[in-house]
Amino acid sequence: MKILIDMNLSPEWVQEFKLHEIKAAHWSDVGGFDAPDEIIIEWAIKNDYVIFTHDLDFGTALALTKANKPSVIQVRTQDVTIKNLSPMLFPTLLNYSDLLEDGALIVLDEYKQRVKILPL
């Protein structure tokens, strides 16, 4: 699994994923900072990445296009620090890795995780 970290999350996440032996790239290293979501989605599909974001628009884009890919992990919490999210994110990735490979939207918050199989 490869993770594409959206601009609204810290580039420090790249190192955190590396510590968990997951390849990751921050969008700022592969595309323009002002790229529209559609460009990010196209890049993720072409390069077989899962998008990790704090942006609610990706779920809407998946629903409107009825797309099978890319998978998206959407964080719905105010505290998007590594210290706060890491304990819930990495067990979720482990538990749902097969679904993420096939196409899924995972929404994470402090209290629960919701998993939806693509297309929505």
N, C-alpha and C. Protein backbone atom coordinates (compact mmCIF):
# COMPACT_ATOMS: atom_id res chain seq x y z
N MET A 1 0.84 -1.17 0.00
CA MET A 1 0.00 0.00 0.00
C MET A 1 0.89 1.24 0.00
N LYS A 2 0.47 2.24 -0.78
CA LYS A 2 1.17 3.51 -0.85
C LYS A 2 0.18 4.62 -0.49
N ILE A 3 0.64 5.58 0.30
CA ILE A 3 -0.23 6.63 0.80
C ILE A 3 0.18 7.98 0.22
N LEU A 4 -0.79 8.71 -0.30
CA LEU A 4 -0.59 10.08 -0.76
C LEU A 4 -1.20 11.02 0.28
N ILE A 5 -0.37 11.80 0.91
CA ILE A 5 -0.79 12.70 1.98
C ILE A 5 -1.18 14.04 1.36
N ASP A 6 -2.40 14.44 1.62
CA ASP A 6 -2.93 15.68 1.06
C ASP A 6 -2.25 16.90 1.70
N MET A 7 -2.37 18.04 1.03
CA MET A 7 -1.74 19.28 1.48
C MET A 7 -2.21 19.74 2.85
N ASN A 8 -3.40 19.34 3.25
CA ASN A 8 -3.93 19.81 4.53
C ASN A 8 -3.41 19.01 5.72
N LEU A 9 -2.50 18.11 5.47
CA LEU A 9 -1.83 17.35 6.54
C LEU A 9 -0.32 17.57 6.43
N SER A 10 0.34 17.49 7.54
CA SER A 10 1.77 17.80 7.62
C SER A 10 2.63 16.83 6.79
N PRO A 11 3.67 17.36 6.14
CA PRO A 11 4.64 16.49 5.47
C PRO A 11 5.35 15.54 6.44
N GLU A 12 5.31 15.84 7.73
CA GLU A 12 5.93 14.95 8.73
C GLU A 12 5.28 13.56 8.74
N TRP A 13 4.07 13.46 8.17
CA TRP A 13 3.42 12.15 8.09
C TRP A 13 4.22 11.16 7.24
N VAL A 14 4.97 11.67 6.28
CA VAL A 14 5.77 10.76 5.42
C VAL A 14 6.68 9.90 6.30
N GLN A 15 7.37 10.53 7.22
CA GLN A 15 8.27 9.79 8.12
C GLN A 15 7.49 8.83 9.02
N GLU A 16 6.33 9.25 9.49
CA GLU A 16 5.53 8.38 10.36
C GLU A 16 5.10 7.11 9.61
N PHE A 17 4.68 7.26 8.36
CA PHE A 17 4.34 6.08 7.56
C PHE A 17 5.56 5.20 7.34
N LYS A 18 6.71 5.83 7.11
CA LYS A 18 7.95 5.07 6.92
C LYS A 18 8.27 4.23 8.15
N LEU A 19 8.05 4.79 9.34
CA LEU A 19 8.28 4.03 10.57
C LEU A 19 7.39 2.79 10.66
N HIS A 20 6.25 2.84 9.99
CA HIS A 20 5.32 1.70 9.95
C HIS A 20 5.49 0.88 8.67
N GLU A 21 6.60 1.15 7.97
CA GLU A 21 6.95 0.42 6.75
C GLU A 21 5.89 0.55 5.65
N ILE A 22 5.36 1.75 5.53
CA ILE A 22 4.39 2.07 4.49
C ILE A 22 4.96 3.20 3.66
N LYS A 23 5.01 3.01 2.36
CA LYS A 23 5.51 4.05 1.47
C LYS A 23 4.49 5.18 1.41
N ALA A 24 4.98 6.41 1.53
CA ALA A 24 4.10 7.57 1.50
C ALA A 24 4.79 8.73 0.80
N ALA A 25 3.97 9.59 0.22
CA ALA A 25 4.45 10.82 -0.41
C ALA A 25 3.50 11.94 -0.02
N HIS A 26 4.05 13.11 0.22
CA HIS A 26 3.22 14.27 0.49
C HIS A 26 2.96 14.96 -0.85
N TRP A 27 1.73 15.44 -1.03
CA TRP A 27 1.37 16.05 -2.32
C TRP A 27 2.34 17.17 -2.71
N SER A 28 2.86 17.91 -1.74
CA SER A 28 3.78 19.01 -2.05
C SER A 28 5.05 18.53 -2.75
N ASP A 29 5.36 17.25 -2.63
CA ASP A 29 6.54 16.68 -3.29
C ASP A 29 6.25 16.14 -4.68
N VAL A 30 4.97 16.01 -5.04
CA VAL A 30 4.64 15.41 -6.34
C VAL A 30 3.76 16.29 -7.21
N GLY A 31 3.14 17.33 -6.63
CA GLY A 31 2.23 18.17 -7.40
C GLY A 31 2.18 19.58 -6.86
N GLY A 32 1.44 20.42 -7.55
CA GLY A 32 1.31 21.82 -7.17
C GLY A 32 0.44 22.00 -5.93
N PHE A 33 0.83 22.96 -5.09
CA PHE A 33 0.12 23.17 -3.83
C PHE A 33 -1.33 23.60 -4.05
N ASP A 34 -1.63 24.18 -5.21
CA ASP A 34 -2.98 24.67 -5.48
C ASP A 34 -3.75 23.76 -6.45
N ALA A 35 -3.30 22.54 -6.60
CA ALA A 35 -3.96 21.61 -7.53
C ALA A 35 -5.37 21.29 -7.06
N PRO A 36 -6.32 21.26 -7.98
CA PRO A 36 -7.68 20.87 -7.59
C PRO A 36 -7.74 19.38 -7.22
N ASP A 37 -8.74 19.03 -6.44
CA ASP A 37 -8.89 17.65 -5.99
C ASP A 37 -8.89 16.65 -7.15
N GLU A 38 -9.47 17.04 -8.28
CA GLU A 38 -9.54 16.13 -9.43
C GLU A 38 -8.16 15.72 -9.90
N ILE A 39 -7.21 16.64 -9.87
CA ILE A 39 -5.84 16.33 -10.28
C ILE A 39 -5.19 15.37 -9.29
N ILE A 40 -5.42 15.61 -8.01
CA ILE A 40 -4.88 14.73 -6.97
C ILE A 40 -5.46 13.33 -7.12
N ILE A 41 -6.75 13.25 -7.36
CA ILE A 41 -7.41 11.96 -7.55
C ILE A 41 -6.84 11.24 -8.77
N GLU A 42 -6.70 11.94 -9.88
CA GLU A 42 -6.13 11.33 -11.09
C GLU A 42 -4.73 10.80 -10.83
N TRP A 43 -3.91 11.59 -10.14
CA TRP A 43 -2.54 11.16 -9.84
C TRP A 43 -2.55 9.92 -8.96
N ALA A 44 -3.39 9.91 -7.95
CA ALA A 44 -3.48 8.75 -7.05
C ALA A 44 -3.90 7.50 -7.80
N ILE A 45 -4.85 7.62 -8.70
CA ILE A 45 -5.29 6.47 -9.49
C ILE A 45 -4.14 5.97 -10.38
N LYS A 46 -3.54 6.90 -11.10
CA LYS A 46 -2.47 6.53 -12.05
C LYS A 46 -1.29 5.87 -11.34
N ASN A 47 -0.99 6.30 -10.13
CA ASN A 47 0.19 5.80 -9.41
C ASN A 47 -0.15 4.82 -8.30
N ASP A 48 -1.41 4.43 -8.21
CA ASP A 48 -1.88 3.42 -7.26
C ASP A 48 -1.61 3.80 -5.80
N TYR A 49 -2.05 5.01 -5.43
CA TYR A 49 -1.92 5.49 -4.06
C TYR A 49 -3.29 5.61 -3.41
N VAL A 50 -3.32 5.47 -2.10
CA VAL A 50 -4.48 5.76 -1.27
C VAL A 50 -4.32 7.19 -0.78
N ILE A 51 -5.37 8.00 -0.87
CA ILE A 51 -5.30 9.38 -0.42
C ILE A 51 -5.61 9.47 1.07
N PHE A 52 -4.78 10.17 1.81
CA PHE A 52 -4.96 10.43 3.23
C PHE A 52 -5.21 11.94 3.37
N THR A 53 -6.39 12.33 3.85
CA THR A 53 -6.78 13.74 3.81
C THR A 53 -7.62 14.16 5.00
N HIS A 54 -7.68 15.45 5.19
CA HIS A 54 -8.56 16.08 6.17
C HIS A 54 -9.65 16.85 5.43
N ASP A 55 -9.73 16.69 4.13
CA ASP A 55 -10.64 17.41 3.24
C ASP A 55 -11.88 16.55 2.98
N LEU A 56 -13.04 17.09 3.28
CA LEU A 56 -14.29 16.34 3.09
C LEU A 56 -14.70 16.23 1.63
N ASP A 57 -14.10 17.02 0.75
CA ASP A 57 -14.50 17.02 -0.66
C ASP A 57 -14.17 15.72 -1.39
N PHE A 58 -13.20 14.96 -0.92
CA PHE A 58 -12.83 13.73 -1.62
C PHE A 58 -13.97 12.71 -1.57
N GLY A 59 -14.64 12.59 -0.44
CA GLY A 59 -15.78 11.68 -0.35
C GLY A 59 -16.89 12.09 -1.29
N THR A 60 -17.13 13.38 -1.39
CA THR A 60 -18.15 13.88 -2.31
C THR A 60 -17.76 13.58 -3.75
N ALA A 61 -16.51 13.79 -4.09
CA ALA A 61 -16.04 13.52 -5.45
C ALA A 61 -16.20 12.04 -5.80
N LEU A 62 -15.88 11.16 -4.85
CA LEU A 62 -16.06 9.72 -5.10
C LEU A 62 -17.53 9.38 -5.32
N ALA A 63 -18.40 9.99 -4.53
CA ALA A 63 -19.83 9.70 -4.66
C ALA A 63 -20.37 10.22 -5.99
N LEU A 64 -19.99 11.43 -6.38
CA LEU A 64 -20.51 12.02 -7.61
C LEU A 64 -20.03 11.28 -8.85
N THR A 65 -18.80 10.79 -8.82
CA THR A 65 -18.24 10.12 -10.00
C THR A 65 -18.48 8.61 -10.00
N LYS A 66 -18.95 8.09 -8.86
CA LYS A 66 -19.16 6.63 -8.71
C LYS A 66 -17.87 5.86 -9.03
N ALA A 67 -16.75 6.44 -8.63
CA ALA A 67 -15.44 5.86 -8.93
C ALA A 67 -15.14 4.64 -8.04
N ASN A 68 -14.38 3.72 -8.58
CA ASN A 68 -13.91 2.54 -7.84
C ASN A 68 -12.58 2.80 -7.13
N LYS A 69 -11.87 3.81 -7.56
CA LYS A 69 -10.56 4.19 -7.04
C LYS A 69 -10.44 5.69 -7.13
N PRO A 70 -9.58 6.31 -6.41
CA PRO A 70 -8.67 5.75 -5.43
C PRO A 70 -9.37 5.56 -4.09
N SER A 71 -8.79 4.76 -3.25
CA SER A 71 -9.27 4.68 -1.89
C SER A 71 -8.89 5.97 -1.17
N VAL A 72 -9.70 6.35 -0.19
CA VAL A 72 -9.48 7.58 0.56
C VAL A 72 -9.64 7.29 2.04
N ILE A 73 -8.71 7.81 2.82
CA ILE A 73 -8.82 7.81 4.28
C ILE A 73 -9.06 9.26 4.66
N GLN A 74 -10.23 9.52 5.18
CA GLN A 74 -10.65 10.89 5.48
C GLN A 74 -10.71 11.07 7.00
N VAL A 75 -9.98 12.04 7.50
CA VAL A 75 -9.93 12.31 8.93
C VAL A 75 -10.91 13.42 9.26
N ARG A 76 -11.79 13.14 10.22
CA ARG A 76 -12.77 14.14 10.63
C ARG A 76 -12.56 14.46 12.10
N THR A 77 -11.50 15.15 12.37
CA THR A 77 -11.17 15.59 13.72
C THR A 77 -10.41 16.89 13.61
N GLN A 78 -10.49 17.70 14.64
CA GLN A 78 -9.76 18.97 14.62
C GLN A 78 -8.27 18.78 14.85
N ASP A 79 -7.91 17.80 15.66
CA ASP A 79 -6.51 17.56 15.99
C ASP A 79 -5.93 16.54 15.02
N VAL A 80 -5.23 17.04 14.00
CA VAL A 80 -4.68 16.15 12.96
C VAL A 80 -3.19 15.90 13.17
N THR A 81 -2.75 16.06 14.39
CA THR A 81 -1.34 15.81 14.68
C THR A 81 -1.05 14.30 14.64
N ILE A 82 0.20 13.99 14.40
CA ILE A 82 0.64 12.60 14.39
C ILE A 82 0.36 11.96 15.74
N LYS A 83 0.66 12.67 16.80
CA LYS A 83 0.45 12.13 18.15
C LYS A 83 -1.00 11.73 18.37
N ASN A 84 -1.94 12.51 17.89
CA ASN A 84 -3.35 12.21 18.08
C ASN A 84 -3.86 11.13 17.12
N LEU A 85 -3.50 11.22 15.86
CA LEU A 85 -4.08 10.33 14.85
C LEU A 85 -3.40 8.98 14.71
N SER A 86 -2.12 8.94 14.94
CA SER A 86 -1.37 7.70 14.71
C SER A 86 -1.96 6.48 15.44
N PRO A 87 -2.34 6.59 16.72
CA PRO A 87 -2.87 5.41 17.41
C PRO A 87 -4.16 4.85 16.81
N MET A 88 -4.93 5.68 16.12
CA MET A 88 -6.15 5.17 15.49
C MET A 88 -5.94 4.85 14.01
N LEU A 89 -5.01 5.55 13.37
CA LEU A 89 -4.82 5.36 11.94
C LEU A 89 -4.17 4.03 11.59
N PHE A 90 -3.08 3.70 12.24
CA PHE A 90 -2.33 2.51 11.81
C PHE A 90 -3.05 1.19 12.09
N PRO A 91 -3.76 1.03 13.20
CA PRO A 91 -4.58 -0.18 13.35
C PRO A 91 -5.69 -0.26 12.28
N THR A 92 -6.24 0.89 11.92
CA THR A 92 -7.27 0.91 10.87
C THR A 92 -6.69 0.48 9.54
N LEU A 93 -5.50 0.97 9.21
CA LEU A 93 -4.85 0.56 7.96
C LEU A 93 -4.61 -0.94 7.94
N LEU A 94 -4.16 -1.47 9.04
CA LEU A 94 -3.91 -2.90 9.14
C LEU A 94 -5.21 -3.70 8.99
N ASN A 95 -6.24 -3.28 9.68
CA ASN A 95 -7.52 -4.00 9.66
C ASN A 95 -8.20 -3.96 8.30
N TYR A 96 -8.02 -2.87 7.56
CA TYR A 96 -8.77 -2.69 6.31
C TYR A 96 -7.88 -2.61 5.08
N SER A 97 -6.68 -3.14 5.15
CA SER A 97 -5.75 -3.03 4.02
C SER A 97 -6.31 -3.67 2.75
N ASP A 98 -6.98 -4.80 2.88
CA ASP A 98 -7.55 -5.45 1.69
C ASP A 98 -8.61 -4.58 1.04
N LEU A 99 -9.46 -3.97 1.85
CA LEU A 99 -10.50 -3.09 1.30
C LEU A 99 -9.90 -1.86 0.64
N LEU A 100 -8.84 -1.32 1.25
CA LEU A 100 -8.19 -0.17 0.66
C LEU A 100 -7.54 -0.52 -0.68
N GLU A 101 -7.02 -1.71 -0.80
CA GLU A 101 -6.45 -2.15 -2.08
C GLU A 101 -7.53 -2.25 -3.16
N ASP A 102 -8.73 -2.66 -2.77
CA ASP A 102 -9.82 -2.86 -3.72
C ASP A 102 -10.59 -1.58 -4.03
N GLY A 103 -10.62 -0.65 -3.09
CA GLY A 103 -11.36 0.60 -3.27
C GLY A 103 -12.33 0.83 -2.13
N ALA A 104 -11.99 1.78 -1.25
CA ALA A 104 -12.85 2.07 -0.10
C ALA A 104 -12.65 3.50 0.35
N LEU A 105 -13.66 4.00 1.05
CA LEU A 105 -13.58 5.27 1.74
C LEU A 105 -13.65 4.97 3.22
N ILE A 106 -12.63 5.36 3.96
CA ILE A 106 -12.62 5.17 5.41
C ILE A 106 -12.65 6.55 6.05
N VAL A 107 -13.63 6.76 6.91
CA VAL A 107 -13.76 8.02 7.64
C VAL A 107 -13.41 7.75 9.09
N LEU A 108 -12.41 8.50 9.59
CA LEU A 108 -11.94 8.33 10.96
C LEU A 108 -12.25 9.55 11.80
N ASP A 109 -12.73 9.31 13.01
CA ASP A 109 -12.77 10.37 14.01
C ASP A 109 -12.37 9.76 15.34
N GLU A 110 -12.43 10.55 16.41
CA GLU A 110 -11.94 10.08 17.70
C GLU A 110 -12.72 8.88 18.24
N TYR A 111 -13.95 8.72 17.79
CA TYR A 111 -14.84 7.73 18.40
C TYR A 111 -15.11 6.50 17.55
N LYS A 112 -14.95 6.63 16.25
CA LYS A 112 -15.30 5.49 15.39
C LYS A 112 -14.63 5.61 14.03
N GLN A 113 -14.81 4.56 13.26
CA GLN A 113 -14.38 4.54 11.87
C GLN A 113 -15.53 3.99 11.05
N ARG A 114 -15.75 4.61 9.92
CA ARG A 114 -16.79 4.15 9.01
C ARG A 114 -16.10 3.73 7.72
N VAL A 115 -16.48 2.59 7.22
CA VAL A 115 -15.88 2.07 6.00
C VAL A 115 -16.96 1.89 4.96
N LYS A 116 -16.73 2.45 3.80
CA LYS A 116 -17.67 2.30 2.68
C LYS A 116 -16.90 1.76 1.49
N ILE A 117 -17.45 0.74 0.88
CA ILE A 117 -16.83 0.12 -0.29
C ILE A 117 -17.16 0.97 -1.53
N LEU A 118 -16.18 1.18 -2.37
CA LEU A 118 -16.40 1.91 -3.62
C LEU A 118 -16.92 1.00 -4.70
N PRO A 119 -17.76 1.50 -5.60
CA PRO A 119 -18.24 2.86 -5.71
C PRO A 119 -19.33 3.17 -4.68
N LEU A 120 -19.43 4.45 -4.35
CA LEU A 120 -20.44 4.90 -3.38
C LEU A 120 -21.78 5.06 -4.07
